């Protein structure tokens, strides 16, 4: 009986982490100042609560459009929520 060959496992190179458009600490501060929850903001932005949690932790970014909408929803300048240089 001939030996069975298996294909070598594919190795996926790690993704380059794109810089965040937002500052997670500033977003947390603004949300607290506005008196709302992550769940509320997730609903307003049309994302899941899990997705919002990742945005708040800084493991997932916001699109420029959602960053602008977030600033409008929280009544603060967009510059407050933007990531600082080198972040």
C-alpha atoms as a PDB file:
ATOM      1  CA  UNK A   1       0.000   0.000   0.000  1.00  0.00           C
ATOM      2  CA  UNK A   2       1.520   3.342  -1.055  1.00  0.00           C
ATOM      3  CA  UNK A   3       2.288   5.950   1.608  1.00  0.00           C
ATOM      4  CA  UNK A   4      -0.231   8.752   1.898  1.00  0.00           C
ATOM      5  CA  UNK A   5       1.201  12.205   1.406  1.00  0.00           C
ATOM      6  CA  UNK A   6      -0.230  15.230   3.109  1.00  0.00           C
ATOM      7  CA  UNK A   7       0.238  18.765   1.929  1.00  0.00           C
ATOM      8  CA  UNK A   8       2.372  20.976   4.149  1.00  0.00           C
ATOM      9  CA  UNK A   9       0.410  23.279   6.397  1.00  0.00           C
ATOM     10  CA  UNK A  10       0.053  26.786   5.079  1.00  0.00           C
ATOM     11  CA  UNK A  11       1.609  29.433   7.197  1.00  0.00           C
ATOM     12  CA  UNK A  12      -0.213  32.747   7.108  1.00  0.00           C
ATOM     13  CA  UNK A  13       2.099  35.672   7.727  1.00  0.00           C
ATOM     14  CA  UNK A  14       0.990  37.949  10.555  1.00  0.00           C
ATOM     15  CA  UNK A  15      -1.006  40.962   9.462  1.00  0.00           C
ATOM     16  CA  UNK A  16       0.557  44.322   9.848  1.00  0.00           C
ATOM     17  CA  UNK A  17      -1.393  46.146  12.493  1.00  0.00           C
ATOM     18  CA  UNK A  18      -2.791  49.350  11.056  1.00  0.00           C
ATOM     19  CA  UNK A  19      -2.552  52.411  13.291  1.00  0.00           C
ATOM     20  CA  UNK A  20      -5.729  53.319  15.137  1.00  0.00           C
ATOM     21  CA  UNK A  21      -7.702  56.369  14.059  1.00  0.00           C
ATOM     22  CA  UNK A  22      -9.008  56.874  17.596  1.00  0.00           C
ATOM     23  CA  UNK A  23      -7.623  57.135  21.114  1.00  0.00           C
ATOM     24  CA  UNK A  24      -9.343  54.414  23.202  1.00  0.00           C
ATOM     25  CA  UNK A  25      -8.819  56.320  26.478  1.00  0.00           C
ATOM     26  CA  UNK A  26     -10.309  59.496  25.014  1.00  0.00           C
ATOM     27  CA  UNK A  27     -13.255  57.526  23.656  1.00  0.00           C
ATOM     28  CA  UNK A  28     -13.886  55.976  27.077  1.00  0.00           C
ATOM     29  CA  UNK A  29     -13.660  59.416  28.711  1.00  0.00           C
ATOM     30  CA  UNK A  30     -16.053  61.013  26.193  1.00  0.00           C
ATOM     31  CA  UNK A  31     -18.565  58.172  26.525  1.00  0.00           C
ATOM     32  CA  UNK A  32     -18.493  58.512  30.322  1.00  0.00           C
ATOM     33  CA  UNK A  33     -18.894  62.290  30.128  1.00  0.00           C
ATOM     34  CA  UNK A  34     -21.884  61.861  27.816  1.00  0.00           C
ATOM     35  CA  UNK A  35     -23.403  59.392  30.288  1.00  0.00           C
ATOM     36  CA  UNK A  36     -23.906  56.553  27.855  1.00  0.00           C
ATOM     37  CA  UNK A  37     -22.820  52.941  27.565  1.00  0.00           C
ATOM     38  CA  UNK A  38     -20.798  50.982  25.031  1.00  0.00           C
ATOM     39  CA  UNK A  39     -24.007  49.166  24.107  1.00  0.00           C
ATOM     40  CA  UNK A  40     -25.740  52.451  23.296  1.00  0.00           C
ATOM     41  CA  UNK A  41     -22.832  53.620  21.139  1.00  0.00           C
ATOM     42  CA  UNK A  42     -22.665  50.242  19.380  1.00  0.00           C
ATOM     43  CA  UNK A  43     -26.341  50.581  18.457  1.00  0.00           C
ATOM     44  CA  UNK A  44     -25.862  54.130  17.179  1.00  0.00           C
ATOM     45  CA  UNK A  45     -22.886  53.103  15.045  1.00  0.00           C
ATOM     46  CA  UNK A  46     -24.526  49.909  13.782  1.00  0.00           C
ATOM     47  CA  UNK A  47     -21.882  47.535  15.160  1.00  0.00           C
ATOM     48  CA  UNK A  48     -22.161  44.609  17.565  1.00  0.00           C
ATOM     49  CA  UNK A  49     -21.391  44.996  21.264  1.00  0.00           C
ATOM     50  CA  UNK A  50     -18.392  42.686  20.820  1.00  0.00           C
ATOM     51  CA  UNK A  51     -17.068  44.854  18.001  1.00  0.00           C
ATOM     52  CA  UNK A  52     -17.596  47.953  20.162  1.00  0.00           C
ATOM     53  CA  UNK A  53     -15.722  46.310  23.031  1.00  0.00           C
ATOM     54  CA  UNK A  54     -12.738  45.735  20.735  1.00  0.00           C
ATOM     55  CA  UNK A  55     -12.875  49.372  19.593  1.00  0.00           C
ATOM     56  CA  UNK A  56     -12.917  50.529  23.230  1.00  0.00           C
ATOM     57  CA  UNK A  57      -9.907  48.299  24.038  1.00  0.00           C
ATOM     58  CA  UNK A  58      -8.003  49.537  21.016  1.00  0.00           C
ATOM     59  CA  UNK A  59      -7.720  46.126  19.382  1.00  0.00           C
ATOM     60  CA  UNK A  60      -9.945  47.237  16.517  1.00  0.00           C
ATOM     61  CA  UNK A  61     -10.144  50.593  14.795  1.00  0.00           C
ATOM     62  CA  UNK A  62     -12.884  52.962  13.755  1.00  0.00           C
ATOM     63  CA  UNK A  63     -13.324  54.064  10.168  1.00  0.00           C
ATOM     64  CA  UNK A  64     -12.922  57.787   9.588  1.00  0.00           C
ATOM     65  CA  UNK A  65     -16.671  58.013   8.941  1.00  0.00           C
ATOM     66  CA  UNK A  66     -17.554  56.243  12.204  1.00  0.00           C
ATOM     67  CA  UNK A  67     -15.048  58.405  14.091  1.00  0.00           C
ATOM     68  CA  UNK A  68     -16.790  61.543  12.795  1.00  0.00           C
ATOM     69  CA  UNK A  69     -20.204  60.126  13.689  1.00  0.00           C
ATOM     70  CA  UNK A  70     -18.977  59.151  17.159  1.00  0.00           C
ATOM     71  CA  UNK A  71     -17.761  62.698  17.795  1.00  0.00           C
ATOM     72  CA  UNK A  72     -21.149  64.061  16.711  1.00  0.00           C
ATOM     73  CA  UNK A  73     -23.050  61.572  18.876  1.00  0.00           C
ATOM     74  CA  UNK A  74     -20.930  62.360  21.949  1.00  0.00           C
ATOM     75  CA  UNK A  75     -20.980  66.111  21.353  1.00  0.00           C
ATOM     76  CA  UNK A  76     -17.240  66.543  21.316  1.00  0.00           C
ATOM     77  CA  UNK A  77     -14.701  67.713  18.750  1.00  0.00           C
ATOM     78  CA  UNK A  78     -13.354  64.956  16.537  1.00  0.00           C
ATOM     79  CA  UNK A  79      -9.819  66.033  17.494  1.00  0.00           C
ATOM     80  CA  UNK A  80     -10.479  64.865  21.080  1.00  0.00           C
ATOM     81  CA  UNK A  81     -11.120  61.314  19.880  1.00  0.00           C
ATOM     82  CA  UNK A  82      -8.367  61.115  17.253  1.00  0.00           C
ATOM     83  CA  UNK A  83      -5.276  59.032  17.953  1.00  0.00           C
ATOM     84  CA  UNK A  84      -2.272  61.124  18.881  1.00  0.00           C
ATOM     85  CA  UNK A  85       0.926  60.901  16.837  1.00  0.00           C
ATOM     86  CA  UNK A  86       2.974  57.839  17.699  1.00  0.00           C
ATOM     87  CA  UNK A  87       0.072  56.012  19.299  1.00  0.00           C
END
